[in-house]
Amino acid sequence: MVIRLPRSPSGWTMAVFGVLAAVLGAVGLISPEALLKTMGFAAPAAGRPASDYTRTFITASSMAAVNMGVYYVLAAAADWKGFFRWTVPFRLLTFAVFTTAVVSGRAPSGFLGVGLWEGTGAVVTGAALRYETVRARRAAPAPTT
C-alpha cells in the first residue's frame, strides 16, 4: 500500500482535519462517555430510560466523523482542490450553527470547541487555497502579445 502525503498547504489542512475527525469519531465509538465529557455534556448513566437515545446519537455522529475524516484524508492525498473549496463555506456554516447553539443556551459551553475547530479549519483551509492561487498566478509566465 502506498501512502500519499498531501502535496499542498491546503492538502495538509485537510489531512490534519481529517485525521482529527477520524480519531475523535473513533473515540466516540469506543467510549461515548469520554467524548461527551470532553464537550461538556453529561455522560449517559447506566440507568437512563429506554427513550434516551444519547448513545444512539453519539454512535451515529461518531461514525459520520470517522467517515468524514477518511474522506478528507483521501481528498488530501489526491490534492482535490475542488473538494477543499467546497468544504470552506460549509465548515463556516457549521461554526455558525454550533456557536449559536452555545450562545443561545441549547448546548453547553464545551460544545463551543467543536464550532471553533470547524471555523478555524475553514479559515486556515481558505487561506491556504488563497495563498496557492496567488502563488500560481505569480509563477505563471506573462502573456505575450
Protein backbone atom coordinates (compact mmCIF):
# COMPACT_ATOMS: atom_id res chain seq x y z
CA MET A 1 0.00 0.00 0.00
CA VAL A 2 1.36 3.39 -1.00
CA ILE A 3 0.69 6.23 1.41
CA ARG A 4 0.49 9.59 -0.30
CA LEU A 5 1.27 12.65 1.72
CA PRO A 6 -0.51 15.89 0.87
CA ARG A 7 1.19 17.89 -1.87
CA SER A 8 -0.03 21.37 -0.98
CA PRO A 9 -0.62 23.55 2.08
CA SER A 10 -4.38 23.25 1.59
CA GLY A 11 -4.00 19.48 1.34
CA TRP A 12 -2.19 19.44 4.67
CA THR A 13 -5.01 21.41 6.31
CA MET A 14 -7.49 18.84 5.03
CA ALA A 15 -5.34 15.89 6.10
CA VAL A 16 -4.90 17.23 9.64
CA PHE A 17 -8.61 17.97 9.96
CA GLY A 18 -9.44 14.53 8.56
CA VAL A 19 -7.16 12.65 10.92
CA LEU A 20 -8.52 14.58 13.91
CA ALA A 21 -12.12 13.92 12.84
CA ALA A 22 -11.46 10.20 12.38
CA VAL A 23 -9.68 9.92 15.73
CA LEU A 24 -12.42 11.79 17.61
CA GLY A 25 -15.02 9.68 15.83
CA ALA A 26 -13.22 6.53 16.93
CA VAL A 27 -13.13 7.84 20.50
CA GLY A 28 -16.90 8.35 20.34
CA LEU A 29 -17.42 4.81 19.07
CA ILE A 30 -15.15 3.27 21.70
CA SER A 31 -16.03 5.50 24.66
CA PRO A 32 -19.05 7.75 24.15
CA GLU A 33 -18.74 8.92 27.75
CA ALA A 34 -15.23 10.28 27.16
CA LEU A 35 -16.34 12.19 24.08
CA LEU A 36 -19.38 13.65 25.83
CA LYS A 37 -17.33 14.76 28.84
CA THR A 38 -14.81 16.44 26.52
CA MET A 39 -17.62 18.57 25.07
CA GLY A 40 -19.19 19.40 28.43
CA PHE A 41 -22.19 17.09 28.18
CA ALA A 42 -23.30 14.76 30.96
CA ALA A 43 -22.26 11.21 30.19
CA PRO A 44 -25.14 8.76 29.81
CA ALA A 45 -25.79 6.86 33.01
CA ALA A 46 -26.48 3.14 33.00
CA GLY A 47 -29.95 3.73 34.39
CA ARG A 48 -31.23 6.04 31.64
CA PRO A 49 -34.69 5.28 30.31
CA ALA A 50 -35.16 3.31 27.08
CA SER A 51 -36.37 6.51 25.43
CA ASP A 52 -32.95 8.18 25.92
CA TYR A 53 -31.14 7.92 22.61
CA THR A 54 -27.92 9.67 23.64
CA ARG A 55 -25.77 6.61 22.90
CA THR A 56 -27.51 6.11 19.55
CA PHE A 57 -26.88 9.74 18.58
CA ILE A 58 -23.23 9.56 19.67
CA THR A 59 -22.75 6.34 17.69
CA ALA A 60 -24.24 7.89 14.55
CA SER A 61 -22.31 11.15 14.94
CA SER A 62 -19.07 9.32 15.67
CA MET A 63 -19.42 7.05 12.66
CA ALA A 64 -20.11 10.11 10.50
CA ALA A 65 -16.95 11.74 11.90
CA VAL A 66 -14.87 8.66 11.07
CA ASN A 67 -16.26 8.61 7.52
CA MET A 68 -15.78 12.35 7.07
CA GLY A 69 -12.23 12.07 8.37
CA VAL A 70 -11.43 9.36 5.85
CA TYR A 71 -12.98 11.42 3.02
CA TYR A 72 -10.84 14.40 3.97
CA VAL A 73 -7.65 12.32 4.13
CA LEU A 74 -8.37 10.71 0.76
CA ALA A 75 -9.14 14.11 -0.79
CA ALA A 76 -5.88 15.44 0.65
CA ALA A 77 -3.93 12.50 -0.81
CA ALA A 78 -5.48 13.24 -4.22
CA ASP A 79 -4.93 17.01 -3.77
CA TRP A 80 -8.58 17.51 -4.78
CA LYS A 81 -8.78 21.30 -4.60
CA GLY A 82 -12.43 21.42 -5.66
CA PHE A 83 -13.39 19.39 -2.61
CA PHE A 84 -11.24 21.61 -0.39
CA ARG A 85 -13.06 24.69 -1.70
CA TRP A 86 -16.49 23.13 -1.15
CA THR A 87 -15.72 22.45 2.50
CA VAL A 88 -14.87 26.03 3.43
CA PRO A 89 -18.37 27.60 3.35
CA PHE A 90 -19.99 24.54 4.90
CA ARG A 91 -17.46 24.41 7.71
CA LEU A 92 -18.12 28.12 8.32
CA LEU A 93 -21.85 27.32 8.43
CA THR A 94 -21.15 24.56 10.96
CA PHE A 95 -19.17 27.07 13.03
CA ALA A 96 -22.12 29.49 12.96
CA VAL A 97 -24.71 26.85 13.89
CA PHE A 98 -22.66 25.30 16.70
CA THR A 99 -21.62 28.66 18.13
CA THR A 100 -25.22 29.85 18.03
CA ALA A 101 -26.26 26.69 19.88
CA VAL A 102 -23.88 27.57 22.72
CA VAL A 103 -24.72 31.29 22.78
CA SER A 104 -28.47 30.56 22.80
CA GLY A 105 -28.15 28.03 25.62
CA ARG A 106 -29.05 24.97 23.52
CA ALA A 107 -25.61 23.45 24.12
CA PRO A 108 -23.06 23.66 26.95
CA SER A 109 -20.02 25.91 26.61
CA GLY A 110 -17.76 22.91 25.99
CA PHE A 111 -19.51 22.47 22.65
CA LEU A 112 -18.04 25.80 21.54
CA GLY A 113 -14.79 23.95 20.90
CA VAL A 114 -16.45 21.98 18.09
CA GLY A 115 -17.60 25.19 16.43
CA LEU A 116 -14.20 26.83 16.84
CA TRP A 117 -12.49 23.75 15.44
CA GLU A 118 -14.70 23.88 12.34
CA GLY A 119 -14.36 27.65 11.92
CA THR A 120 -10.61 27.66 12.39
CA GLY A 121 -10.22 24.76 9.98
CA ALA A 122 -12.32 26.56 7.36
CA VAL A 123 -10.34 29.78 7.68
CA VAL A 124 -6.97 28.00 7.55
CA THR A 125 -8.00 25.93 4.52
CA GLY A 126 -9.43 29.01 2.80
CA ALA A 127 -6.23 30.95 3.49
CA ALA A 128 -4.09 28.09 2.16
CA LEU A 129 -6.18 27.92 -1.01
CA ARG A 130 -5.87 31.69 -1.48
CA TYR A 131 -2.09 31.52 -0.94
CA GLU A 132 -1.80 28.76 -3.53
CA THR A 133 -3.86 30.75 -6.06
CA VAL A 134 -1.73 33.87 -5.62
CA ARG A 135 1.49 31.85 -5.81
CA ALA A 136 0.34 30.12 -9.01
CA ARG A 137 -0.56 33.45 -10.65
CA ARG A 138 2.84 34.90 -9.82
CA ALA A 139 4.61 31.82 -11.16
CA ALA A 140 2.65 31.80 -14.44
CA PRO A 141 4.50 33.17 -17.41
CA ALA A 142 3.45 36.62 -18.57
CA PRO A 143 1.19 36.58 -21.62
CA THR A 144 2.86 37.57 -24.86
CA THR A 145 1.24 39.89 -27.34
